[in-house]
């Protein structure tokens, strides 16, 4: 299992539904930024959705997390 490594990645869901649930413990509320680990960012990117914006690493971690 891959470890969670936080490098300041953030995702924003801006689709037409109220929220997006990846069924892996991550619920993205519409237009609400969510701090995620690199593993989750990669998993969301692999979905190939055009309604999930994934920001690059900022290397700033504020203590918020997805896991």
N, C-alpha and C. Protein backbone atom coordinates (compact mmCIF):
# COMPACT_ATOMS: atom_id res chain seq x y z
N UNK A 1 0.84 -1.18 0.00
CA UNK A 1 0.00 0.00 0.00
C UNK A 1 0.88 1.25 0.00
N UNK A 2 0.52 2.19 -0.83
CA UNK A 2 1.26 3.45 -0.94
C UNK A 2 0.94 4.35 0.26
N UNK A 3 1.94 5.01 0.83
CA UNK A 3 1.68 5.92 1.95
C UNK A 3 1.10 7.25 1.46
N UNK A 4 0.44 7.94 2.37
CA UNK A 4 -0.07 9.28 2.06
C UNK A 4 1.05 10.29 2.31
N UNK A 5 1.38 11.05 1.29
CA UNK A 5 2.40 12.09 1.39
C UNK A 5 1.74 13.41 1.00
N UNK A 6 1.80 14.37 1.91
CA UNK A 6 1.15 15.65 1.68
C UNK A 6 2.17 16.68 1.23
N UNK A 7 1.92 17.25 0.05
CA UNK A 7 2.80 18.28 -0.49
C UNK A 7 2.01 19.52 -0.89
N UNK A 8 0.86 19.70 -0.27
CA UNK A 8 0.05 20.88 -0.55
C UNK A 8 -0.87 20.74 -1.75
N UNK A 9 -1.16 19.51 -2.17
CA UNK A 9 -2.07 19.30 -3.30
C UNK A 9 -3.49 19.65 -2.86
N UNK A 10 -4.24 20.27 -3.74
CA UNK A 10 -5.62 20.66 -3.48
C UNK A 10 -6.45 20.30 -4.70
N UNK A 11 -7.67 19.83 -4.45
CA UNK A 11 -8.59 19.53 -5.54
C UNK A 11 -9.86 20.35 -5.37
N UNK A 12 -10.46 20.71 -6.50
CA UNK A 12 -11.73 21.45 -6.49
C UNK A 12 -12.65 20.79 -7.50
N UNK A 13 -13.84 20.43 -7.04
CA UNK A 13 -14.85 19.85 -7.91
C UNK A 13 -15.78 20.98 -8.36
N UNK A 14 -15.98 21.11 -9.66
CA UNK A 14 -16.87 22.16 -10.16
C UNK A 14 -17.87 21.60 -11.17
N UNK A 15 -18.29 20.36 -10.93
CA UNK A 15 -19.29 19.73 -11.80
C UNK A 15 -20.70 20.20 -11.48
N UNK A 16 -21.66 19.59 -12.12
CA UNK A 16 -23.05 20.00 -12.01
C UNK A 16 -23.80 19.47 -10.80
N UNK A 17 -23.23 18.47 -10.13
CA UNK A 17 -23.87 17.90 -8.94
C UNK A 17 -23.42 18.66 -7.70
N UNK A 18 -24.14 18.46 -6.59
CA UNK A 18 -23.81 19.13 -5.34
C UNK A 18 -22.45 18.67 -4.80
N UNK A 19 -22.08 17.41 -5.06
CA UNK A 19 -20.82 16.87 -4.59
C UNK A 19 -20.39 15.71 -5.49
N UNK A 20 -19.13 15.31 -5.35
CA UNK A 20 -18.60 14.14 -6.03
C UNK A 20 -18.04 13.21 -4.98
N UNK A 21 -18.45 11.97 -4.99
CA UNK A 21 -17.98 10.96 -4.05
C UNK A 21 -17.18 9.92 -4.83
N UNK A 22 -15.91 9.73 -4.47
CA UNK A 22 -15.10 8.74 -5.18
C UNK A 22 -15.28 7.33 -4.62
N UNK A 23 -16.10 7.19 -3.59
CA UNK A 23 -16.38 5.92 -2.93
C UNK A 23 -15.12 5.29 -2.34
N UNK A 24 -14.15 6.13 -2.03
CA UNK A 24 -12.93 5.69 -1.35
C UNK A 24 -12.66 6.56 -0.13
N UNK A 25 -13.72 7.24 0.34
CA UNK A 25 -13.59 8.07 1.53
C UNK A 25 -13.39 9.55 1.26
N UNK A 26 -13.52 9.98 0.00
CA UNK A 26 -13.31 11.39 -0.34
C UNK A 26 -14.57 11.95 -0.98
N UNK A 27 -15.15 12.94 -0.35
CA UNK A 27 -16.32 13.61 -0.89
C UNK A 27 -15.92 15.05 -1.20
N UNK A 28 -16.00 15.40 -2.47
CA UNK A 28 -15.64 16.75 -2.90
C UNK A 28 -16.92 17.55 -3.05
N UNK A 29 -17.05 18.57 -2.23
CA UNK A 29 -18.21 19.46 -2.32
C UNK A 29 -17.98 20.44 -3.47
N UNK A 30 -19.03 20.77 -4.15
CA UNK A 30 -18.94 21.65 -5.31
C UNK A 30 -18.30 22.98 -4.94
N UNK A 31 -17.26 23.36 -5.66
CA UNK A 31 -16.56 24.65 -5.52
C UNK A 31 -15.85 24.83 -4.18
N UNK A 32 -15.61 23.75 -3.43
CA UNK A 32 -14.93 23.83 -2.14
C UNK A 32 -13.56 23.17 -2.26
N UNK A 33 -12.46 23.90 -2.07
CA UNK A 33 -11.14 23.29 -2.14
C UNK A 33 -10.97 22.25 -1.04
N UNK A 34 -10.28 21.16 -1.36
CA UNK A 34 -10.01 20.11 -0.39
C UNK A 34 -8.55 19.72 -0.49
N UNK A 35 -7.82 19.78 0.63
CA UNK A 35 -6.43 19.33 0.68
C UNK A 35 -6.41 17.81 0.59
N UNK A 36 -5.57 17.29 -0.30
CA UNK A 36 -5.45 15.84 -0.47
C UNK A 36 -3.99 15.44 -0.53
N UNK A 37 -3.73 14.16 -0.26
CA UNK A 37 -2.37 13.64 -0.38
C UNK A 37 -2.07 13.38 -1.86
N UNK A 38 -0.82 13.14 -2.15
CA UNK A 38 -0.42 12.90 -3.54
C UNK A 38 -1.09 11.65 -4.11
N UNK A 39 -1.27 10.63 -3.28
CA UNK A 39 -1.90 9.39 -3.74
C UNK A 39 -3.34 9.65 -4.19
N UNK A 40 -4.09 10.40 -3.39
CA UNK A 40 -5.48 10.71 -3.74
C UNK A 40 -5.53 11.61 -4.97
N UNK A 41 -4.64 12.58 -5.06
CA UNK A 41 -4.60 13.45 -6.24
C UNK A 41 -4.36 12.61 -7.49
N UNK A 42 -3.47 11.65 -7.41
CA UNK A 42 -3.20 10.77 -8.54
C UNK A 42 -4.40 9.91 -8.91
N UNK A 43 -5.08 9.38 -7.88
CA UNK A 43 -6.26 8.56 -8.13
C UNK A 43 -7.37 9.38 -8.79
N UNK A 44 -7.56 10.61 -8.33
CA UNK A 44 -8.58 11.47 -8.93
C UNK A 44 -8.20 11.87 -10.36
N UNK A 45 -6.93 12.13 -10.59
CA UNK A 45 -6.47 12.47 -11.94
C UNK A 45 -6.69 11.30 -12.90
N UNK A 46 -6.50 10.09 -12.40
CA UNK A 46 -6.66 8.89 -13.23
C UNK A 46 -8.10 8.69 -13.69
N UNK A 47 -9.04 9.34 -13.03
CA UNK A 47 -10.44 9.23 -13.44
C UNK A 47 -10.69 9.95 -14.76
N UNK A 48 -9.81 10.90 -15.09
CA UNK A 48 -9.92 11.61 -16.36
C UNK A 48 -11.12 12.54 -16.45
N UNK A 49 -11.59 13.02 -15.33
CA UNK A 49 -12.75 13.91 -15.32
C UNK A 49 -12.31 15.34 -15.60
N UNK A 50 -13.14 16.07 -16.35
CA UNK A 50 -12.81 17.46 -16.63
C UNK A 50 -13.49 18.42 -15.66
N UNK A 51 -14.19 17.87 -14.65
CA UNK A 51 -14.85 18.71 -13.66
C UNK A 51 -14.17 18.65 -12.29
N UNK A 52 -12.97 18.08 -12.25
CA UNK A 52 -12.16 18.07 -11.02
C UNK A 52 -10.83 18.72 -11.36
N UNK A 53 -10.57 19.86 -10.74
CA UNK A 53 -9.32 20.59 -10.96
C UNK A 53 -8.34 20.20 -9.87
N UNK A 54 -7.15 19.80 -10.25
CA UNK A 54 -6.13 19.35 -9.31
C UNK A 54 -4.96 20.31 -9.38
N UNK A 55 -4.73 21.01 -8.29
CA UNK A 55 -3.63 21.96 -8.24
C UNK A 55 -2.32 21.23 -7.99
N UNK A 56 -1.22 21.75 -8.51
CA UNK A 56 0.09 21.13 -8.29
C UNK A 56 0.53 21.31 -6.83
N UNK A 57 1.59 20.60 -6.48
CA UNK A 57 2.14 20.69 -5.13
C UNK A 57 2.62 22.11 -4.83
N UNK A 58 2.32 22.56 -3.62
CA UNK A 58 2.82 23.86 -3.16
C UNK A 58 3.89 23.69 -2.10
N UNK A 59 4.00 22.46 -1.58
CA UNK A 59 4.92 22.13 -0.50
C UNK A 59 4.61 22.92 0.76
N UNK A 60 3.34 23.30 0.91
CA UNK A 60 2.84 23.93 2.14
C UNK A 60 1.74 23.02 2.68
N UNK A 61 1.82 22.67 3.94
CA UNK A 61 0.83 21.78 4.54
C UNK A 61 0.27 22.47 5.76
N UNK A 62 -1.06 22.65 5.79
CA UNK A 62 -1.70 23.36 6.90
C UNK A 62 -2.36 22.45 7.92
N UNK A 63 -2.17 21.16 7.79
CA UNK A 63 -2.76 20.22 8.75
C UNK A 63 -4.06 19.62 8.29
N UNK A 64 -4.69 20.17 7.26
CA UNK A 64 -5.90 19.58 6.72
C UNK A 64 -5.53 18.40 5.84
N UNK A 65 -6.39 17.41 5.78
CA UNK A 65 -6.04 16.26 4.96
C UNK A 65 -7.27 15.48 4.53
N UNK A 66 -7.04 14.55 3.66
CA UNK A 66 -8.12 13.73 3.14
C UNK A 66 -8.14 12.34 3.74
N UNK A 67 -7.06 11.91 4.34
CA UNK A 67 -6.95 10.51 4.75
C UNK A 67 -6.98 10.32 6.26
